[in-house]
Amino acid sequence: MMPTHRLFHTLALLGALSAALAAPAAGAPNTATNTATNTATNSATTNATTSAPQASGPAQFRAFIASTHSAQARFSQQVMVRSGRQPQLSSGQFAFARPGRFRWLYEKPYYQLLVADGQRLWIFDRDLEQVTVKQLGDALGSTPAALLAGDNDLEKNFSIRDGGNSAGLGWLIATPRAGETSFREVRIGLRDNLPQRMEIDDNFGQTTTLMLHELRRNPRLPTDLFQFKPPAGIDVIGE
């Protein structure tokens, strides 16, 4: 079973990426003809010393928003707390597609599946034999999702600044303008106009870090990848 606080941090990070893919991309290419882009990959483990100089984080972020309408990758996640307890580690794979669809699979240390079809979010806990259903807006509305909702509104809800270049990544730092939010700061590291690392500092002294590996931009994804049918005999809770 996924602890509640870990699920919150997952939804925060997941919301940020999925919202980025929910806004129409400027001049997004047809996936059937975009062979070169479909096969493009970018690993977060590329040696920084051999990487070309990166553009600023904000500039790369806006380029990502304008050119990306789907994505697929593996991830590793770490939750750190100020108390010095052992970091909480997890890993798996995900896929996103506009508008607002994603599939997020935890493979280690336990199996859990999150699927969004653009309207609802399904959270399947295999160990509990339980599915929780939420309206997607309700589940992600209080997360950093608004940060990546679209380049035109970026400065409306967030104070954005350039975080400089570090470890071969161009960094964007965003702080919410609203006084009452669940997080304090979001940092996004990009290389070649693709997000490689995301970090969220919440108001409880915890930092969640998401590393993206083998990220493919604009792959051709089957529509049923973002659909979920509860297995027979599973309890369904929610809407």
C-alpha atoms as a PDB file:
ATOM      1  CA  MET A   1       0.000   0.000   0.000  1.00  0.00           C
ATOM      2  CA  MET A   2       1.282   3.503  -0.848  1.00  0.00           C
ATOM      3  CA  PRO A   3       1.447   5.749   2.247  1.00  0.00           C
ATOM      4  CA  THR A   4      -0.787   8.819   1.964  1.00  0.00           C
ATOM      5  CA  HIS A   5       2.056  11.340   2.077  1.00  0.00           C
ATOM      6  CA  ARG A   6       3.935   9.527  -0.689  1.00  0.00           C
ATOM      7  CA  LEU A   7       0.816   9.521  -2.836  1.00  0.00           C
ATOM      8  CA  PHE A   8       0.469  13.280  -2.295  1.00  0.00           C
ATOM      9  CA  HIS A   9       4.016  13.926  -3.485  1.00  0.00           C
ATOM     10  CA  THR A  10       3.509  11.627  -6.455  1.00  0.00           C
ATOM     11  CA  LEU A  11       0.369  13.488  -7.493  1.00  0.00           C
ATOM     12  CA  ALA A  12       2.183  16.792  -7.161  1.00  0.00           C
ATOM     13  CA  LEU A  13       4.967  15.745  -9.506  1.00  0.00           C
ATOM     14  CA  LEU A  14       2.643  13.843 -11.769  1.00  0.00           C
ATOM     15  CA  GLY A  15       0.309  16.780 -11.945  1.00  0.00           C
ATOM     16  CA  ALA A  16       3.102  19.072 -12.998  1.00  0.00           C
ATOM     17  CA  LEU A  17       4.052  16.924 -15.978  1.00  0.00           C
ATOM     18  CA  SER A  18       0.541  15.938 -16.999  1.00  0.00           C
ATOM     19  CA  ALA A  19      -0.642  19.534 -16.941  1.00  0.00           C
ATOM     20  CA  ALA A  20       2.260  20.478 -19.155  1.00  0.00           C
ATOM     21  CA  LEU A  21       0.972  18.014 -21.692  1.00  0.00           C
ATOM     22  CA  ALA A  22      -2.625  19.166 -21.318  1.00  0.00           C
ATOM     23  CA  ALA A  23      -2.100  22.485 -23.095  1.00  0.00           C
ATOM     24  CA  PRO A  24      -2.144  22.431 -26.921  1.00  0.00           C
ATOM     25  CA  ALA A  25       1.372  22.520 -28.325  1.00  0.00           C
ATOM     26  CA  ALA A  26       2.107  25.245 -30.802  1.00  0.00           C
ATOM     27  CA  GLY A  27       2.366  23.606 -34.183  1.00  0.00           C
ATOM     28  CA  ALA A  28       2.365  20.087 -32.732  1.00  0.00           C
ATOM     29  CA  PRO A  29       3.258  17.599 -35.498  1.00  0.00           C
ATOM     30  CA  ASN A  30       1.104  14.669 -36.571  1.00  0.00           C
ATOM     31  CA  THR A  31       2.265  11.601 -34.630  1.00  0.00           C
ATOM     32  CA  ALA A  32       1.870   9.368 -37.676  1.00  0.00           C
ATOM     33  CA  THR A  33       4.434  11.353 -39.650  1.00  0.00           C
ATOM     34  CA  ASN A  34       6.801  12.405 -36.928  1.00  0.00           C
ATOM     35  CA  THR A  35       9.133   9.420 -37.133  1.00  0.00           C
ATOM     36  CA  ALA A  36      12.279  11.293 -36.241  1.00  0.00           C
ATOM     37  CA  THR A  37      10.751  12.760 -33.088  1.00  0.00           C
ATOM     38  CA  ASN A  38       9.106   9.485 -32.103  1.00  0.00           C
ATOM     39  CA  THR A  39      12.473   7.773 -31.912  1.00  0.00           C
ATOM     40  CA  ALA A  40      14.297  10.610 -30.153  1.00  0.00           C
ATOM     41  CA  THR A  41      15.493   9.663 -26.690  1.00  0.00           C
ATOM     42  CA  ASN A  42      17.292  11.543 -23.998  1.00  0.00           C
ATOM     43  CA  SER A  43      18.800   9.948 -20.878  1.00  0.00           C
ATOM     44  CA  ALA A  44      19.074  11.793 -17.594  1.00  0.00           C
ATOM     45  CA  THR A  45      22.318   9.963 -16.932  1.00  0.00           C
ATOM     46  CA  THR A  46      24.231  11.513 -19.842  1.00  0.00           C
ATOM     47  CA  ASN A  47      27.705  12.578 -18.728  1.00  0.00           C
ATOM     48  CA  ALA A  48      27.447  16.280 -17.960  1.00  0.00           C
ATOM     49  CA  THR A  49      31.028  16.944 -18.992  1.00  0.00           C
ATOM     50  CA  THR A  50      30.273  15.923 -22.586  1.00  0.00           C
ATOM     51  CA  SER A  51      26.984  17.847 -22.874  1.00  0.00           C
ATOM     52  CA  ALA A  52      26.747  20.964 -24.993  1.00  0.00           C
ATOM     53  CA  PRO A  53      26.078  24.228 -23.140  1.00  0.00           C
ATOM     54  CA  GLN A  54      22.407  24.386 -22.215  1.00  0.00           C
ATOM     55  CA  ALA A  55      19.981  27.252 -22.729  1.00  0.00           C
ATOM     56  CA  SER A  56      18.379  28.737 -19.629  1.00  0.00           C
ATOM     57  CA  GLY A  57      15.809  26.673 -17.757  1.00  0.00           C
ATOM     58  CA  PRO A  58      12.894  29.022 -18.531  1.00  0.00           C
ATOM     59  CA  ALA A  59      13.783  29.081 -22.247  1.00  0.00           C
ATOM     60  CA  GLN A  60      14.025  25.278 -22.429  1.00  0.00           C
ATOM     61  CA  PHE A  61      10.776  24.918 -20.526  1.00  0.00           C
ATOM     62  CA  ARG A  62       8.878  27.103 -22.976  1.00  0.00           C
ATOM     63  CA  ALA A  63      10.375  25.170 -25.887  1.00  0.00           C
ATOM     64  CA  PHE A  64       9.206  21.916 -24.287  1.00  0.00           C
ATOM     65  CA  ILE A  65       5.650  23.244 -23.875  1.00  0.00           C
ATOM     66  CA  ALA A  66       5.541  24.400 -27.503  1.00  0.00           C
ATOM     67  CA  SER A  67       6.825  21.179 -29.060  1.00  0.00           C
ATOM     68  CA  THR A  68       5.617  18.300 -26.899  1.00  0.00           C
ATOM     69  CA  HIS A  69       2.208  16.624 -27.085  1.00  0.00           C
ATOM     70  CA  SER A  70       3.088  13.206 -25.615  1.00  0.00           C
ATOM     71  CA  ALA A  71       5.945  11.607 -23.706  1.00  0.00           C
ATOM     72  CA  GLN A  72       7.092   8.285 -22.303  1.00  0.00           C
ATOM     73  CA  ALA A  73       9.884   7.479 -19.846  1.00  0.00           C
ATOM     74  CA  ARG A  74      11.083   5.553 -16.841  1.00  0.00           C
ATOM     75  CA  PHE A  75      11.404   7.298 -13.489  1.00  0.00           C
ATOM     76  CA  SER A  76      12.987   7.035 -10.082  1.00  0.00           C
ATOM     77  CA  GLN A  77      11.554   8.926  -7.128  1.00  0.00           C
ATOM     78  CA  GLN A  78      13.014   9.877  -3.767  1.00  0.00           C
ATOM     79  CA  VAL A  79      11.314  11.529  -0.795  1.00  0.00           C
ATOM     80  CA  MET A  80      13.640  13.157   1.743  1.00  0.00           C
ATOM     81  CA  VAL A  81      12.591  14.460   5.167  1.00  0.00           C
ATOM     82  CA  ARG A  82      14.431  16.871   7.451  1.00  0.00           C
ATOM     83  CA  SER A  83      14.411  14.393  10.332  1.00  0.00           C
ATOM     84  CA  GLY A  84      17.151  12.438   8.574  1.00  0.00           C
ATOM     85  CA  ARG A  85      15.146   9.264   8.203  1.00  0.00           C
ATOM     86  CA  GLN A  86      16.018   6.845   5.431  1.00  0.00           C
ATOM     87  CA  PRO A  87      14.962   8.260   2.038  1.00  0.00           C
ATOM     88  CA  GLN A  88      11.845   6.672   0.558  1.00  0.00           C
ATOM     89  CA  LEU A  89      12.687   5.268  -2.874  1.00  0.00           C
ATOM     90  CA  SER A  90      10.464   4.047  -5.689  1.00  0.00           C
ATOM     91  CA  SER A  91      10.699   3.519  -9.451  1.00  0.00           C
ATOM     92  CA  GLY A  92       8.642   2.597 -12.486  1.00  0.00           C
ATOM     93  CA  GLN A  93       7.473   3.965 -15.824  1.00  0.00           C
ATOM     94  CA  PHE A  94       4.980   6.480 -17.163  1.00  0.00           C
ATOM     95  CA  ALA A  95       3.384   7.867 -20.306  1.00  0.00           C
ATOM     96  CA  PHE A  96       1.531  11.136 -21.008  1.00  0.00           C
ATOM     97  CA  ALA A  97      -0.636  12.354 -23.871  1.00  0.00           C
ATOM     98  CA  ARG A  98      -2.646  15.484 -24.485  1.00  0.00           C
ATOM     99  CA  PRO A  99      -5.107  16.459 -23.253  1.00  0.00           C
ATOM    100  CA  GLY A 100      -4.559  15.492 -19.597  1.00  0.00           C
ATOM    101  CA  ARG A 101      -4.047  11.746 -19.993  1.00  0.00           C
ATOM    102  CA  PHE A 102      -1.362   9.734 -18.234  1.00  0.00           C
ATOM    103  CA  ARG A 103      -0.419   6.281 -17.034  1.00  0.00           C
ATOM    104  CA  TRP A 104       1.915   6.044 -14.031  1.00  0.00           C
ATOM    105  CA  LEU A 105       3.102   2.609 -12.920  1.00  0.00           C
ATOM    106  CA  TYR A 106       5.077   1.928  -9.750  1.00  0.00           C
ATOM    107  CA  GLU A 107       7.074  -1.266 -10.152  1.00  0.00           C
ATOM    108  CA  LYS A 108       9.281  -1.064  -7.044  1.00  0.00           C
ATOM    109  CA  PRO A 109       9.139  -1.478  -4.096  1.00  0.00           C
ATOM    110  CA  TYR A 110       5.471  -2.381  -4.634  1.00  0.00           C
ATOM    111  CA  TYR A 111       3.007  -2.422  -7.525  1.00  0.00           C
ATOM    112  CA  GLN A 112       0.620   0.487  -7.893  1.00  0.00           C
ATOM    113  CA  LEU A 113      -1.021   1.957 -10.978  1.00  0.00           C
ATOM    114  CA  LEU A 114      -2.403   5.458 -11.600  1.00  0.00           C
ATOM    115  CA  VAL A 115      -4.346   6.108 -14.805  1.00  0.00           C
ATOM    116  CA  ALA A 116      -5.998   9.354 -15.938  1.00  0.00           C
ATOM    117  CA  ASP A 117      -8.295   9.510 -18.954  1.00  0.00           C
ATOM    118  CA  GLY A 118      -8.519  13.307 -19.016  1.00  0.00           C
ATOM    119  CA  GLN A 119     -11.444  13.492 -16.617  1.00  0.00           C
ATOM    120  CA  ARG A 120     -10.932  10.908 -13.886  1.00  0.00           C
ATOM    121  CA  LEU A 121      -7.947   9.532 -12.024  1.00  0.00           C
ATOM    122  CA  TRP A 122      -7.887   5.820 -11.131  1.00  0.00           C
ATOM    123  CA  ILE A 123      -5.547   4.650  -8.358  1.00  0.00           C
ATOM    124  CA  PHE A 124      -5.221   0.857  -8.234  1.00  0.00           C
ATOM    125  CA  ASP A 125      -3.634  -0.660  -5.128  1.00  0.00           C
ATOM    126  CA  ARG A 126      -3.156  -4.338  -5.919  1.00  0.00           C
ATOM    127  CA  ASP A 127      -2.184  -5.337  -2.382  1.00  0.00           C
ATOM    128  CA  LEU A 128      -5.356  -3.791  -0.952  1.00  0.00           C
ATOM    129  CA  GLU A 129      -7.471  -5.077  -3.868  1.00  0.00           C
ATOM    130  CA  GLN A 130      -8.895  -1.581  -4.084  1.00  0.00           C
ATOM    131  CA  VAL A 131      -9.425   1.139  -6.694  1.00  0.00           C
ATOM    132  CA  THR A 132      -9.900   4.799  -5.745  1.00  0.00           C
ATOM    133  CA  VAL A 133     -11.502   7.104  -8.327  1.00  0.00           C
ATOM    134  CA  LYS A 134     -11.138  10.900  -8.227  1.00  0.00           C
ATOM    135  CA  GLN A 135     -12.035  13.748 -10.508  1.00  0.00           C
ATOM    136  CA  LEU A 136      -8.752  14.716 -12.121  1.00  0.00           C
ATOM    137  CA  GLY A 137      -9.147  18.408 -11.352  1.00  0.00           C
ATOM    138  CA  ASP A 138      -9.896  17.725  -7.687  1.00  0.00           C
ATOM    139  CA  ALA A 139      -6.950  15.349  -7.333  1.00  0.00           C
ATOM    140  CA  LEU A 140      -4.393  17.689  -8.883  1.00  0.00           C
ATOM    141  CA  GLY A 141      -5.826  21.128  -8.305  1.00  0.00           C
ATOM    142  CA  SER A 142      -3.670  21.916  -5.251  1.00  0.00           C
ATOM    143  CA  THR A 143      -0.393  20.742  -6.746  1.00  0.00           C
ATOM    144  CA  PRO A 144       2.293  22.399  -8.909  1.00  0.00           C
ATOM    145  CA  ALA A 145       0.238  21.332 -11.948  1.00  0.00           C
ATOM    146  CA  ALA A 146      -0.661  24.967 -12.549  1.00  0.00           C
ATOM    147  CA  LEU A 147       3.020  25.715 -13.108  1.00  0.00           C
ATOM    148  CA  LEU A 148       3.096  23.825 -16.398  1.00  0.00           C
ATOM    149  CA  ALA A 149      -0.478  24.444 -17.520  1.00  0.00           C
ATOM    150  CA  GLY A 150       0.682  26.658 -20.368  1.00  0.00           C
ATOM    151  CA  ASP A 151       3.402  29.096 -21.268  1.00  0.00           C
ATOM    152  CA  ASN A 152       1.048  32.070 -21.606  1.00  0.00           C
ATOM    153  CA  ASP A 153      -0.039  31.904 -17.953  1.00  0.00           C
ATOM    154  CA  LEU A 154       3.312  30.943 -16.483  1.00  0.00           C
ATOM    155  CA  GLU A 155       3.938  34.238 -14.698  1.00  0.00           C
ATOM    156  CA  LYS A 156       0.299  34.665 -13.677  1.00  0.00           C
ATOM    157  CA  ASN A 157       0.394  32.203 -10.793  1.00  0.00           C
ATOM    158  CA  PHE A 158       4.115  31.759 -10.246  1.00  0.00           C
ATOM    159  CA  SER A 159       7.199  33.846  -9.760  1.00  0.00           C
ATOM    160  CA  ILE A 160       9.713  32.388 -12.240  1.00  0.00           C
ATOM    161  CA  ARG A 161      13.450  32.820 -12.172  1.00  0.00           C
ATOM    162  CA  ASP A 162      16.436  31.297 -13.887  1.00  0.00           C
ATOM    163  CA  GLY A 163      18.169  28.769 -11.660  1.00  0.00           C
ATOM    164  CA  GLY A 164      21.358  28.782 -13.710  1.00  0.00           C
ATOM    165  CA  ASN A 165      23.149  25.741 -15.157  1.00  0.00           C
ATOM    166  CA  SER A 166      24.301  22.877 -12.979  1.00  0.00           C
ATOM    167  CA  ALA A 167      25.258  19.246 -13.678  1.00  0.00           C
ATOM    168  CA  GLY A 168      24.564  19.726 -17.378  1.00  0.00           C
ATOM    169  CA  LEU A 169      21.010  20.969 -16.778  1.00  0.00           C
ATOM    170  CA  GLY A 170      19.361  24.351 -17.201  1.00  0.00           C
ATOM    171  CA  TRP A 171      17.201  25.061 -14.149  1.00  0.00           C
ATOM    172  CA  LEU A 172      13.902  26.857 -13.701  1.00  0.00           C
ATOM    173  CA  ILE A 173      12.803  27.851 -10.188  1.00  0.00           C
ATOM    174  CA  ALA A 174       9.158  28.632  -9.503  1.00  0.00           C
ATOM    175  CA  THR A 175       7.477  29.874  -6.346  1.00  0.00           C
ATOM    176  CA  PRO A 176       3.676  30.223  -6.050  1.00  0.00           C
ATOM    177  CA  ARG A 177       2.271  33.727  -5.847  1.00  0.00           C
ATOM    178  CA  ALA A 178      -0.712  32.559  -3.767  1.00  0.00           C
ATOM    179  CA  GLY A 179      -0.169  32.526  -0.023  1.00  0.00           C
ATOM    180  CA  GLU A 180      -1.936  29.240   0.709  1.00  0.00           C
ATOM    181  CA  THR A 181      -0.348  26.356  -1.173  1.00  0.00           C
ATOM    182  CA  SER A 182       0.914  22.915  -0.194  1.00  0.00           C
ATOM    183  CA  PHE A 183       4.407  23.534  -1.564  1.00  0.00           C
ATOM    184  CA  ARG A 184       7.063  26.181  -1.181  1.00  0.00           C
ATOM    185  CA  GLU A 185       9.167  25.876  -4.335  1.00  0.00           C
ATOM    186  CA  VAL A 186       9.449  23.810  -7.509  1.00  0.00           C
ATOM    187  CA  ARG A 187      12.698  23.317  -9.427  1.00  0.00           C
ATOM    188  CA  ILE A 188      12.842  21.796 -12.915  1.00  0.00           C
ATOM    189  CA  GLY A 189      16.107  20.784 -14.579  1.00  0.00           C
ATOM    190  CA  LEU A 190      16.103  20.445 -18.372  1.00  0.00           C
ATOM    191  CA  ARG A 191      18.498  19.245 -21.041  1.00  0.00           C
ATOM    192  CA  ASP A 192      17.895  19.612 -24.791  1.00  0.00           C
ATOM    193  CA  ASN A 193      14.451  21.115 -24.021  1.00  0.00           C
ATOM    194  CA  LEU A 194      13.348  18.025 -22.076  1.00  0.00           C
ATOM    195  CA  PRO A 195      12.704  17.811 -18.308  1.00  0.00           C
ATOM    196  CA  GLN A 196      15.228  15.528 -16.630  1.00  0.00           C
ATOM    197  CA  ARG A 197      14.751  16.249 -12.939  1.00  0.00           C
ATOM    198  CA  MET A 198      12.003  17.794 -10.812  1.00  0.00           C
ATOM    199  CA  GLU A 199      12.239  18.788  -7.172  1.00  0.00           C
ATOM    200  CA  ILE A 200       9.426  19.970  -4.896  1.00  0.00           C
ATOM    201  CA  ASP A 201       9.917  21.442  -1.429  1.00  0.00           C
ATOM    202  CA  ASP A 202       6.663  21.238   0.515  1.00  0.00           C
ATOM    203  CA  ASN A 203       5.574  23.116   3.616  1.00  0.00           C
ATOM    204  CA  PHE A 204       6.277  20.141   5.876  1.00  0.00           C
ATOM    205  CA  GLY A 205      10.031  20.002   5.380  1.00  0.00           C
ATOM    206  CA  GLN A 206      10.022  17.247   2.777  1.00  0.00           C
ATOM    207  CA  THR A 207      11.661  17.283  -0.657  1.00  0.00           C
ATOM    208  CA  THR A 208      10.451  15.001  -3.428  1.00  0.00           C
ATOM    209  CA  THR A 209      12.836  14.410  -6.326  1.00  0.00           C
ATOM    210  CA  LEU A 210      11.813  12.807  -9.604  1.00  0.00           C
ATOM    211  CA  MET A 211      14.465  11.668 -12.075  1.00  0.00           C
ATOM    212  CA  LEU A 212      13.409  10.868 -15.653  1.00  0.00           C
ATOM    213  CA  HIS A 213      15.270   8.248 -17.700  1.00  0.00           C
ATOM    214  CA  GLU A 214      15.101   7.287 -21.395  1.00  0.00           C
ATOM    215  CA  LEU A 215      12.533   9.966 -22.079  1.00  0.00           C
ATOM    216  CA  ARG A 216      10.898   9.834 -25.526  1.00  0.00           C
ATOM    217  CA  ARG A 217       9.075  12.885 -26.817  1.00  0.00           C
ATOM    218  CA  ASN A 218       5.973  12.550 -29.010  1.00  0.00           C
ATOM    219  CA  PRO A 219       5.812   8.737 -29.250  1.00  0.00           C
ATOM    220  CA  ARG A 220       2.778   7.081 -30.816  1.00  0.00           C
ATOM    221  CA  LEU A 221       0.741   5.822 -27.845  1.00  0.00           C
ATOM    222  CA  PRO A 222      -2.382   3.629 -28.076  1.00  0.00           C
ATOM    223  CA  THR A 223      -5.531   5.287 -26.729  1.00  0.00           C
ATOM    224  CA  ASP A 224      -6.372   2.328 -24.495  1.00  0.00           C
ATOM    225  CA  LEU A 225      -3.147   2.949 -22.563  1.00  0.00           C
ATOM    226  CA  PHE A 226      -5.051   5.699 -20.731  1.00  0.00           C
ATOM    227  CA  GLN A 227      -8.161   3.662 -19.964  1.00  0.00           C
ATOM    228  CA  PHE A 228      -8.762   1.572 -16.866  1.00  0.00           C
ATOM    229  CA  LYS A 229     -11.257  -1.164 -16.091  1.00  0.00           C
ATOM    230  CA  PRO A 230     -11.255  -2.401 -12.481  1.00  0.00           C
ATOM    231  CA  PRO A 231     -10.492  -6.122 -12.211  1.00  0.00           C
ATOM    232  CA  ALA A 232     -13.328  -8.395 -11.118  1.00  0.00           C
ATOM    233  CA  GLY A 233     -13.798  -8.565  -7.360  1.00  0.00           C
ATOM    234  CA  ILE A 234     -11.969  -5.289  -6.665  1.00  0.00           C
ATOM    235  CA  ASP A 235     -13.544  -2.682  -4.371  1.00  0.00           C
ATOM    236  CA  VAL A 236     -14.116   0.684  -6.091  1.00  0.00           C
ATOM    237  CA  ILE A 237     -14.168   3.790  -3.881  1.00  0.00           C
ATOM    238  CA  GLY A 238     -15.118   7.262  -5.053  1.00  0.00           C
ATOM    239  CA  GLU A 239     -16.819   8.716  -8.112  1.00  0.00           C
END
